[in-house]
N, C-alpha and C. Protein backbone atom coordinates (compact mmCIF):
# COMPACT_ATOMS: atom_id res chain seq x y z
N UNK A 1 6.03 47.69 110.00
CA UNK A 1 6.77 46.45 109.78
C UNK A 1 6.49 45.95 108.36
N UNK A 2 7.54 45.62 107.64
CA UNK A 2 7.35 45.11 106.30
C UNK A 2 7.39 43.59 106.30
N UNK A 3 6.68 43.03 105.38
CA UNK A 3 6.62 41.58 105.27
C UNK A 3 7.76 41.08 104.41
N UNK A 4 8.41 40.03 104.85
CA UNK A 4 9.49 39.45 104.05
C UNK A 4 9.00 38.24 103.26
N UNK A 5 7.72 37.94 103.38
CA UNK A 5 7.15 36.81 102.64
C UNK A 5 6.99 37.21 101.19
N UNK A 6 7.57 36.44 100.31
CA UNK A 6 7.39 36.78 98.91
C UNK A 6 6.17 36.04 98.36
N UNK A 7 5.56 36.65 97.38
CA UNK A 7 4.38 36.06 96.77
C UNK A 7 4.79 34.81 96.00
N UNK A 8 4.08 33.75 96.25
CA UNK A 8 4.35 32.50 95.55
C UNK A 8 3.34 32.36 94.42
N UNK A 9 3.83 31.98 93.26
CA UNK A 9 2.93 31.79 92.12
C UNK A 9 3.01 30.35 91.66
N UNK A 10 1.87 29.83 91.21
CA UNK A 10 1.84 28.47 90.71
C UNK A 10 1.94 28.50 89.19
N UNK A 11 2.45 27.46 88.64
CA UNK A 11 2.63 27.31 87.21
C UNK A 11 1.31 27.51 86.47
N UNK A 12 1.33 28.30 85.41
CA UNK A 12 0.16 28.49 84.56
C UNK A 12 0.50 27.95 83.17
N UNK A 13 -0.09 26.80 82.79
CA UNK A 13 0.26 26.20 81.49
C UNK A 13 0.06 27.14 80.30
N UNK A 14 -1.02 27.90 80.31
CA UNK A 14 -1.29 28.79 79.18
C UNK A 14 -0.19 29.85 79.04
N UNK A 15 0.19 30.47 80.15
CA UNK A 15 1.26 31.47 80.13
C UNK A 15 2.57 30.86 79.65
N UNK A 16 2.87 29.67 80.14
CA UNK A 16 4.10 29.00 79.75
C UNK A 16 4.11 28.68 78.26
N UNK A 17 3.00 28.20 77.73
CA UNK A 17 2.92 27.86 76.30
C UNK A 17 3.03 29.11 75.42
N UNK A 18 2.50 30.24 75.90
CA UNK A 18 2.62 31.49 75.14
C UNK A 18 4.08 31.92 75.03
N UNK A 19 4.90 31.56 76.01
CA UNK A 19 6.30 31.98 75.99
C UNK A 19 7.16 31.12 75.07
N UNK A 20 6.61 30.02 74.52
CA UNK A 20 7.41 29.16 73.61
C UNK A 20 7.70 29.87 72.29
N UNK A 21 6.83 30.48 71.55
CA UNK A 21 5.37 30.49 71.65
C UNK A 21 4.73 29.42 70.77
N UNK A 22 3.50 29.03 71.13
CA UNK A 22 2.70 28.18 70.25
C UNK A 22 2.00 29.10 69.25
N UNK A 23 1.86 28.61 68.02
CA UNK A 23 1.26 29.42 66.97
C UNK A 23 0.21 28.60 66.23
N UNK A 24 -0.72 29.29 65.53
CA UNK A 24 -1.74 28.57 64.77
C UNK A 24 -1.12 27.56 63.81
N UNK A 25 -1.81 26.46 63.63
CA UNK A 25 -1.46 25.39 62.68
C UNK A 25 -0.32 24.48 63.14
N UNK A 26 0.22 24.67 64.33
CA UNK A 26 1.28 23.80 64.84
C UNK A 26 0.72 22.44 65.24
N UNK A 27 1.62 21.47 65.28
CA UNK A 27 1.31 20.16 65.85
C UNK A 27 2.06 20.04 67.16
N UNK A 28 1.31 19.74 68.23
CA UNK A 28 1.86 19.65 69.57
C UNK A 28 1.62 18.25 70.11
N UNK A 29 2.61 17.69 70.80
CA UNK A 29 2.47 16.41 71.47
C UNK A 29 2.70 16.63 72.96
N UNK A 30 1.74 16.19 73.77
CA UNK A 30 1.83 16.30 75.22
C UNK A 30 2.06 14.90 75.77
N UNK A 31 3.29 14.63 76.19
CA UNK A 31 3.64 13.30 76.72
C UNK A 31 3.45 13.29 78.23
N UNK A 32 2.51 12.48 78.69
CA UNK A 32 2.16 12.46 80.11
C UNK A 32 1.20 13.60 80.39
N UNK A 33 0.07 13.61 79.68
CA UNK A 33 -0.85 14.76 79.69
C UNK A 33 -1.58 14.99 81.00
N UNK A 34 -1.64 13.98 81.87
CA UNK A 34 -2.26 14.19 83.18
C UNK A 34 -3.67 14.72 83.09
N UNK A 35 -3.93 15.84 83.76
CA UNK A 35 -5.29 16.40 83.81
C UNK A 35 -5.68 17.18 82.55
N UNK A 36 -4.76 17.35 81.62
CA UNK A 36 -5.09 17.94 80.32
C UNK A 36 -4.96 19.44 80.19
N UNK A 37 -4.44 20.12 81.21
CA UNK A 37 -4.36 21.58 81.13
C UNK A 37 -3.44 22.06 80.02
N UNK A 38 -2.32 21.40 79.80
CA UNK A 38 -1.44 21.79 78.69
C UNK A 38 -2.11 21.49 77.35
N UNK A 39 -2.68 20.30 77.21
CA UNK A 39 -3.29 19.90 75.95
C UNK A 39 -4.44 20.83 75.57
N UNK A 40 -5.31 21.16 76.53
CA UNK A 40 -6.44 22.04 76.25
C UNK A 40 -5.98 23.45 75.88
N UNK A 41 -5.01 23.97 76.64
CA UNK A 41 -4.47 25.30 76.32
C UNK A 41 -3.81 25.29 74.95
N UNK A 42 -3.04 24.25 74.66
CA UNK A 42 -2.37 24.14 73.36
C UNK A 42 -3.41 24.06 72.24
N UNK A 43 -4.48 23.31 72.46
CA UNK A 43 -5.54 23.19 71.46
C UNK A 43 -6.14 24.54 71.09
N UNK A 44 -6.34 25.38 72.10
CA UNK A 44 -6.86 26.73 71.83
C UNK A 44 -5.85 27.56 71.04
N UNK A 45 -4.58 27.43 71.38
CA UNK A 45 -3.55 28.27 70.77
C UNK A 45 -3.22 27.88 69.33
N UNK A 46 -3.24 26.60 69.02
CA UNK A 46 -2.88 26.18 67.65
C UNK A 46 -4.06 26.27 66.70
N UNK A 47 -5.25 26.47 67.23
CA UNK A 47 -6.43 26.71 66.39
C UNK A 47 -6.95 25.47 65.69
N UNK A 48 -7.97 25.69 64.88
CA UNK A 48 -8.69 24.59 64.23
C UNK A 48 -7.82 23.77 63.27
N UNK A 49 -6.81 24.41 62.67
CA UNK A 49 -5.94 23.69 61.74
C UNK A 49 -4.75 23.05 62.43
N UNK A 50 -4.55 23.36 63.71
CA UNK A 50 -3.48 22.75 64.48
C UNK A 50 -3.96 21.44 65.11
N UNK A 51 -3.02 20.65 65.59
CA UNK A 51 -3.34 19.37 66.21
C UNK A 51 -2.61 19.23 67.53
N UNK A 52 -3.27 18.59 68.49
CA UNK A 52 -2.63 18.26 69.75
C UNK A 52 -2.86 16.78 70.01
N UNK A 53 -1.76 16.05 70.19
CA UNK A 53 -1.80 14.63 70.53
C UNK A 53 -1.43 14.52 72.00
N UNK A 54 -2.37 14.05 72.82
CA UNK A 54 -2.14 13.93 74.26
C UNK A 54 -2.01 12.46 74.63
N UNK A 55 -0.88 12.11 75.25
CA UNK A 55 -0.61 10.72 75.62
C UNK A 55 -0.45 10.60 77.13
N UNK A 56 -0.90 9.49 77.67
CA UNK A 56 -0.67 9.17 79.07
C UNK A 56 -0.80 7.66 79.21
N UNK A 57 -0.21 7.11 80.24
CA UNK A 57 -0.32 5.67 80.50
C UNK A 57 -1.64 5.36 81.21
N UNK A 58 -2.23 6.35 81.87
CA UNK A 58 -3.44 6.14 82.66
C UNK A 58 -4.70 6.53 81.89
N UNK A 59 -5.66 5.62 81.83
CA UNK A 59 -6.93 5.89 81.16
C UNK A 59 -7.66 7.07 81.81
N UNK A 60 -7.59 7.17 83.14
CA UNK A 60 -8.26 8.26 83.84
C UNK A 60 -7.72 9.62 83.40
N UNK A 61 -6.42 9.72 83.21
CA UNK A 61 -5.82 10.97 82.75
C UNK A 61 -6.31 11.31 81.35
N UNK A 62 -6.40 10.31 80.49
CA UNK A 62 -6.88 10.54 79.12
C UNK A 62 -8.33 11.02 79.13
N UNK A 63 -9.13 10.43 80.01
CA UNK A 63 -10.53 10.83 80.14
C UNK A 63 -10.64 12.28 80.63
N UNK A 64 -9.82 12.64 81.63
CA UNK A 64 -9.82 14.02 82.14
C UNK A 64 -9.41 15.01 81.05
N UNK A 65 -8.42 14.63 80.26
CA UNK A 65 -7.94 15.51 79.19
C UNK A 65 -9.02 15.71 78.14
N UNK A 66 -9.66 14.63 77.72
CA UNK A 66 -10.72 14.72 76.71
C UNK A 66 -11.88 15.58 77.23
N UNK A 67 -12.23 15.40 78.48
CA UNK A 67 -13.32 16.18 79.09
C UNK A 67 -12.97 17.66 79.14
N UNK A 68 -11.77 18.00 79.57
CA UNK A 68 -11.35 19.39 79.65
C UNK A 68 -11.33 20.03 78.26
N UNK A 69 -10.83 19.30 77.26
CA UNK A 69 -10.80 19.82 75.90
C UNK A 69 -12.22 20.16 75.43
N UNK A 70 -13.17 19.27 75.70
CA UNK A 70 -14.56 19.54 75.32
C UNK A 70 -15.10 20.77 76.07
N UNK A 71 -14.79 20.86 77.35
CA UNK A 71 -15.27 21.99 78.17
C UNK A 71 -14.79 23.34 77.66
N UNK A 72 -13.55 23.39 77.17
CA UNK A 72 -13.04 24.66 76.66
C UNK A 72 -13.35 24.86 75.18
N UNK A 73 -14.00 23.86 74.58
CA UNK A 73 -14.46 24.00 73.20
C UNK A 73 -13.47 23.69 72.12
N UNK A 74 -12.45 22.89 72.42
CA UNK A 74 -11.51 22.52 71.36
C UNK A 74 -11.79 21.09 70.88
N UNK A 75 -11.68 20.91 69.58
CA UNK A 75 -11.93 19.61 68.98
C UNK A 75 -10.68 19.04 68.30
N UNK A 76 -9.55 19.70 68.50
CA UNK A 76 -8.31 19.29 67.84
C UNK A 76 -7.37 18.54 68.78
N UNK A 77 -7.89 18.04 69.91
CA UNK A 77 -7.08 17.30 70.87
C UNK A 77 -7.47 15.83 70.81
N UNK A 78 -6.51 14.98 70.48
CA UNK A 78 -6.76 13.53 70.50
C UNK A 78 -6.01 12.92 71.67
N UNK A 79 -6.59 11.90 72.28
CA UNK A 79 -5.96 11.26 73.44
C UNK A 79 -5.70 9.79 73.11
N UNK A 80 -4.53 9.32 73.56
CA UNK A 80 -4.16 7.92 73.36
C UNK A 80 -3.25 7.45 74.47
N UNK A 81 -3.34 6.18 74.73
CA UNK A 81 -2.51 5.57 75.77
C UNK A 81 -1.10 5.33 75.23
N UNK A 82 -0.12 5.54 76.09
CA UNK A 82 1.28 5.37 75.70
C UNK A 82 2.12 5.19 76.96
N UNK A 83 3.05 4.26 76.93
CA UNK A 83 3.99 4.08 78.03
C UNK A 83 5.30 4.74 77.62
N UNK A 84 5.60 5.88 78.20
CA UNK A 84 6.77 6.67 77.82
C UNK A 84 8.09 5.97 78.08
N UNK A 85 8.06 4.93 78.91
CA UNK A 85 9.31 4.23 79.20
C UNK A 85 9.65 3.21 78.12
N UNK A 86 8.73 2.99 77.18
CA UNK A 86 8.97 2.07 76.06
C UNK A 86 9.10 2.89 74.79
N UNK A 87 10.29 2.93 74.25
CA UNK A 87 10.57 3.71 73.05
C UNK A 87 9.65 3.28 71.91
N UNK A 88 9.01 4.26 71.28
CA UNK A 88 8.13 3.99 70.14
C UNK A 88 6.72 3.59 70.51
N UNK A 89 6.36 3.59 71.78
CA UNK A 89 5.01 3.15 72.15
C UNK A 89 3.94 4.21 71.87
N UNK A 90 4.34 5.43 71.60
CA UNK A 90 3.38 6.46 71.19
C UNK A 90 3.20 6.31 69.68
N UNK A 91 2.04 5.85 69.29
CA UNK A 91 1.84 5.42 67.90
C UNK A 91 1.65 6.58 66.92
N UNK A 92 2.71 7.38 66.82
CA UNK A 92 2.77 8.45 65.82
C UNK A 92 4.04 8.26 65.02
N UNK A 93 3.99 8.68 63.76
CA UNK A 93 5.22 8.63 62.98
C UNK A 93 6.18 9.68 63.52
N UNK A 94 7.45 9.52 63.23
CA UNK A 94 8.45 10.44 63.73
C UNK A 94 8.43 11.77 62.99
N UNK A 95 9.08 12.75 63.59
CA UNK A 95 9.29 14.08 62.99
C UNK A 95 8.00 14.78 62.59
N UNK A 96 6.97 14.72 63.47
CA UNK A 96 5.70 15.38 63.14
C UNK A 96 5.39 16.57 64.03
N UNK A 97 6.08 16.70 65.16
CA UNK A 97 5.71 17.71 66.16
C UNK A 97 6.55 18.97 66.07
N UNK A 98 5.87 20.10 66.13
CA UNK A 98 6.56 21.37 66.24
C UNK A 98 7.01 21.57 67.68
N UNK A 99 6.18 21.09 68.62
CA UNK A 99 6.47 21.22 70.05
C UNK A 99 6.06 19.93 70.76
N UNK A 100 6.93 19.45 71.65
CA UNK A 100 6.60 18.33 72.53
C UNK A 100 6.69 18.85 73.96
N UNK A 101 5.68 18.51 74.76
CA UNK A 101 5.61 18.93 76.15
C UNK A 101 5.82 17.71 77.04
N UNK A 102 6.74 17.81 77.98
CA UNK A 102 6.97 16.77 78.99
C UNK A 102 6.96 17.50 80.34
N UNK A 103 5.78 17.53 80.97
CA UNK A 103 5.63 18.33 82.18
C UNK A 103 5.35 17.50 83.42
N UNK A 104 6.21 17.66 84.40
CA UNK A 104 6.04 17.05 85.73
C UNK A 104 5.80 15.55 85.67
N UNK A 105 6.52 14.90 84.75
CA UNK A 105 6.35 13.45 84.59
C UNK A 105 7.68 12.71 84.72
N UNK A 106 8.79 13.34 84.35
CA UNK A 106 10.07 12.64 84.34
C UNK A 106 10.45 12.10 85.71
N UNK A 107 10.12 12.82 86.76
CA UNK A 107 10.48 12.35 88.11
C UNK A 107 9.76 11.04 88.47
N UNK A 108 8.69 10.71 87.74
CA UNK A 108 7.93 9.49 88.01
C UNK A 108 8.46 8.28 87.24
N UNK A 109 9.33 8.51 86.28
CA UNK A 109 9.78 7.45 85.38
C UNK A 109 11.11 6.85 85.81
N UNK A 110 11.22 5.54 85.68
CA UNK A 110 12.51 4.89 85.90
C UNK A 110 13.41 5.09 84.70
N UNK A 111 12.83 4.96 83.49
CA UNK A 111 13.62 5.10 82.27
C UNK A 111 13.35 6.46 81.63
N UNK A 112 13.96 7.50 82.22
CA UNK A 112 13.79 8.86 81.73
C UNK A 112 14.36 9.03 80.32
N UNK A 113 15.43 8.33 80.05
CA UNK A 113 16.09 8.41 78.74
C UNK A 113 15.16 8.03 77.61
N UNK A 114 14.39 6.95 77.78
CA UNK A 114 13.47 6.55 76.71
C UNK A 114 12.39 7.60 76.48
N UNK A 115 11.92 8.25 77.52
CA UNK A 115 10.92 9.31 77.35
C UNK A 115 11.50 10.47 76.54
N UNK A 116 12.74 10.84 76.82
CA UNK A 116 13.39 11.93 76.07
C UNK A 116 13.67 11.48 74.64
N UNK A 117 14.08 10.23 74.45
CA UNK A 117 14.31 9.73 73.09
C UNK A 117 13.01 9.70 72.29
N UNK A 118 11.89 9.38 72.94
CA UNK A 118 10.60 9.39 72.26
C UNK A 118 10.22 10.82 71.87
N UNK A 119 10.44 11.76 72.76
CA UNK A 119 10.18 13.16 72.45
C UNK A 119 11.03 13.60 71.25
N UNK A 120 12.30 13.23 71.26
CA UNK A 120 13.21 13.58 70.17
C UNK A 120 12.71 12.97 68.84
N UNK A 121 12.29 11.71 68.90
CA UNK A 121 11.80 11.01 67.70
C UNK A 121 10.59 11.73 67.10
N UNK A 122 9.73 12.25 67.95
CA UNK A 122 8.50 12.90 67.48
C UNK A 122 8.71 14.31 66.96
N UNK A 123 9.78 14.97 67.40
CA UNK A 123 10.04 16.36 67.00
C UNK A 123 10.54 16.48 65.57
N UNK A 124 10.04 17.50 64.89
CA UNK A 124 10.60 17.87 63.60
C UNK A 124 11.98 18.48 63.84
N UNK A 125 12.82 18.51 62.84
CA UNK A 125 14.09 19.23 62.96
C UNK A 125 13.76 20.70 63.23
N UNK A 126 14.36 21.25 64.26
CA UNK A 126 14.07 22.62 64.66
C UNK A 126 12.90 22.72 65.64
N UNK A 127 12.22 21.59 65.86
CA UNK A 127 11.10 21.58 66.81
C UNK A 127 11.60 21.79 68.23
N UNK A 128 10.68 22.14 69.11
CA UNK A 128 11.07 22.48 70.48
C UNK A 128 10.47 21.52 71.50
N UNK A 129 11.27 21.23 72.50
CA UNK A 129 10.86 20.38 73.61
C UNK A 129 10.77 21.24 74.86
N UNK A 130 9.60 21.22 75.50
CA UNK A 130 9.40 21.91 76.76
C UNK A 130 9.40 20.87 77.87
N UNK A 131 10.34 21.02 78.81
CA UNK A 131 10.41 20.13 79.96
C UNK A 131 10.14 20.96 81.22
N UNK A 132 9.17 20.51 82.01
CA UNK A 132 8.83 21.18 83.26
C UNK A 132 8.98 20.17 84.38
N UNK A 133 9.64 20.56 85.45
CA UNK A 133 9.79 19.68 86.62
C UNK A 133 9.74 20.51 87.89
N UNK A 134 9.58 19.80 89.00
CA UNK A 134 9.51 20.42 90.33
C UNK A 134 10.90 20.85 90.78
N UNK A 135 10.99 22.06 91.32
CA UNK A 135 12.26 22.52 91.89
C UNK A 135 12.61 21.67 93.11
N UNK A 136 13.89 21.44 93.29
CA UNK A 136 14.36 20.64 94.43
C UNK A 136 13.97 21.27 95.77
N UNK A 137 13.97 22.61 95.84
CA UNK A 137 13.71 23.28 97.10
C UNK A 137 12.26 23.77 97.26
N UNK A 138 11.37 23.32 96.39
CA UNK A 138 9.97 23.74 96.45
C UNK A 138 9.26 23.20 97.68
N UNK A 139 8.38 24.02 98.24
CA UNK A 139 7.58 23.60 99.40
C UNK A 139 6.48 22.63 99.01
N UNK A 140 6.14 22.58 97.73
CA UNK A 140 5.11 21.67 97.22
C UNK A 140 5.74 20.67 96.28
N UNK A 141 4.98 19.61 95.98
CA UNK A 141 5.43 18.65 94.99
C UNK A 141 5.68 17.28 95.57
N UNK A 142 6.24 16.41 94.73
CA UNK A 142 6.56 15.06 95.19
C UNK A 142 7.67 15.08 96.24
N UNK A 143 7.94 13.94 96.81
CA UNK A 143 9.02 13.86 97.80
C UNK A 143 10.31 14.40 97.19
N UNK A 144 11.07 15.13 97.98
CA UNK A 144 12.30 15.74 97.50
C UNK A 144 13.23 14.70 96.87
N UNK A 145 13.26 13.50 97.43
CA UNK A 145 14.13 12.45 96.91
C UNK A 145 13.74 12.01 95.50
N UNK A 146 12.50 12.26 95.09
CA UNK A 146 12.02 11.88 93.75
C UNK A 146 12.29 12.97 92.71
N UNK A 147 12.52 14.18 93.15
CA UNK A 147 12.70 15.30 92.22
C UNK A 147 14.03 15.22 91.51
N UNK A 148 14.09 15.85 90.34
CA UNK A 148 15.29 15.81 89.51
C UNK A 148 15.87 17.21 89.42
N UNK A 149 17.12 17.33 89.75
CA UNK A 149 17.80 18.63 89.68
C UNK A 149 17.82 19.12 88.23
N UNK A 150 17.74 20.42 88.08
CA UNK A 150 17.76 21.03 86.75
C UNK A 150 19.01 20.63 85.97
N UNK A 151 20.15 20.60 86.63
CA UNK A 151 21.40 20.22 85.95
C UNK A 151 21.33 18.80 85.40
N UNK A 152 20.68 17.90 86.14
CA UNK A 152 20.54 16.51 85.68
C UNK A 152 19.65 16.43 84.44
N UNK A 153 18.57 17.22 84.43
CA UNK A 153 17.68 17.26 83.26
C UNK A 153 18.43 17.81 82.05
N UNK A 154 19.17 18.88 82.26
CA UNK A 154 19.94 19.46 81.16
C UNK A 154 20.91 18.44 80.56
N UNK A 155 21.60 17.71 81.42
CA UNK A 155 22.55 16.69 80.96
C UNK A 155 21.83 15.61 80.15
N UNK A 156 20.67 15.18 80.64
CA UNK A 156 19.88 14.16 79.94
C UNK A 156 19.45 14.66 78.56
N UNK A 157 18.96 15.88 78.48
CA UNK A 157 18.51 16.44 77.21
C UNK A 157 19.66 16.58 76.22
N UNK A 158 20.77 17.13 76.70
CA UNK A 158 21.90 17.38 75.81
C UNK A 158 22.58 16.09 75.38
N UNK A 159 22.57 15.08 76.23
CA UNK A 159 23.17 13.79 75.84
C UNK A 159 22.31 13.05 74.82
N UNK A 160 21.07 13.52 74.64
CA UNK A 160 20.18 12.93 73.64
C UNK A 160 20.01 13.84 72.42
N UNK A 161 20.97 14.73 72.20
CA UNK A 161 21.03 15.51 70.98
C UNK A 161 20.21 16.78 70.95
N UNK A 162 19.66 17.21 72.08
CA UNK A 162 18.87 18.43 72.11
C UNK A 162 19.74 19.62 72.52
N UNK A 163 19.38 20.80 72.00
CA UNK A 163 20.16 22.01 72.26
C UNK A 163 19.35 22.99 73.10
N UNK A 164 19.96 23.63 74.11
CA UNK A 164 19.23 24.58 74.94
C UNK A 164 18.80 25.82 74.16
N UNK A 165 17.58 26.27 74.44
CA UNK A 165 17.05 27.48 73.83
C UNK A 165 16.82 28.55 74.90
N UNK A 166 16.10 28.17 75.97
CA UNK A 166 15.76 29.16 76.99
C UNK A 166 15.29 28.50 78.27
N UNK A 167 15.40 29.26 79.35
CA UNK A 167 14.71 28.93 80.60
C UNK A 167 13.46 29.78 80.59
N UNK A 168 12.32 29.18 80.89
CA UNK A 168 11.06 29.91 80.85
C UNK A 168 10.50 30.08 82.26
N UNK A 169 9.76 31.16 82.49
CA UNK A 169 9.17 31.37 83.82
C UNK A 169 8.11 30.31 84.11
N UNK A 170 8.23 29.66 85.27
CA UNK A 170 7.32 28.55 85.58
C UNK A 170 6.79 28.63 87.01
N UNK A 171 6.72 29.82 87.55
CA UNK A 171 6.18 29.97 88.90
C UNK A 171 7.21 29.64 89.97
N UNK A 172 6.75 29.57 91.20
CA UNK A 172 7.62 29.40 92.36
C UNK A 172 8.05 27.96 92.62
N UNK A 173 7.34 26.99 92.07
CA UNK A 173 7.54 25.60 92.46
C UNK A 173 8.15 24.71 91.36
N UNK A 174 8.22 25.23 90.13
CA UNK A 174 8.71 24.46 88.99
C UNK A 174 9.84 25.21 88.28
N UNK A 175 10.57 24.47 87.45
CA UNK A 175 11.45 25.10 86.48
C UNK A 175 11.03 24.60 85.11
N UNK A 176 11.27 25.40 84.08
CA UNK A 176 10.88 25.03 82.72
C UNK A 176 12.06 25.29 81.78
N UNK A 177 12.38 24.28 81.01
CA UNK A 177 13.49 24.37 80.06
C UNK A 177 12.96 24.16 78.64
N UNK A 178 13.39 25.00 77.73
CA UNK A 178 13.02 24.86 76.33
C UNK A 178 14.27 24.47 75.56
N UNK A 179 14.17 23.35 74.85
CA UNK A 179 15.27 22.81 74.06
C UNK A 179 14.80 22.63 72.62
N UNK A 180 15.77 22.50 71.72
CA UNK A 180 15.47 22.36 70.30
C UNK A 180 16.15 21.13 69.72
N UNK A 181 15.51 20.53 68.71
CA UNK A 181 16.10 19.37 68.02
C UNK A 181 16.98 19.89 66.90
């Protein structure tokens, strides 16, 4: 008897960032950094001359990110508080980021447009925006009613001046979209 159960894989931030790809000396902004896995992985990939700015509204998330960065030995990750629903609240000048990461956070925001506009503001011309969200049909994740369909995310990104680049592999439970400014 053969098994019809397919292997489920969970999102791996490092693998996903390699597919962008992140390169030495880049500046990366992680909006809604959460536990810091993207920021720490990005810090390793961009090297000592690269920078990672990790933002979150929650102090606990910023503390977790700073701790993880220290644990993996990176010193190029800075953490700061920012409310993504308020345009311009991330205290960085515009057009500084080679890559902006917005992972598994948009479904939590009422004003998704301002978060995307902030990401756009921070990106250099030609910079890339990585958006990761929970699949609608995933067995894990937030309540299905809170999840955002991929088509809705695409419409939001494109209506804010971003251009599609690629769909990236993001495991069994997420989808990942790469867009360019």
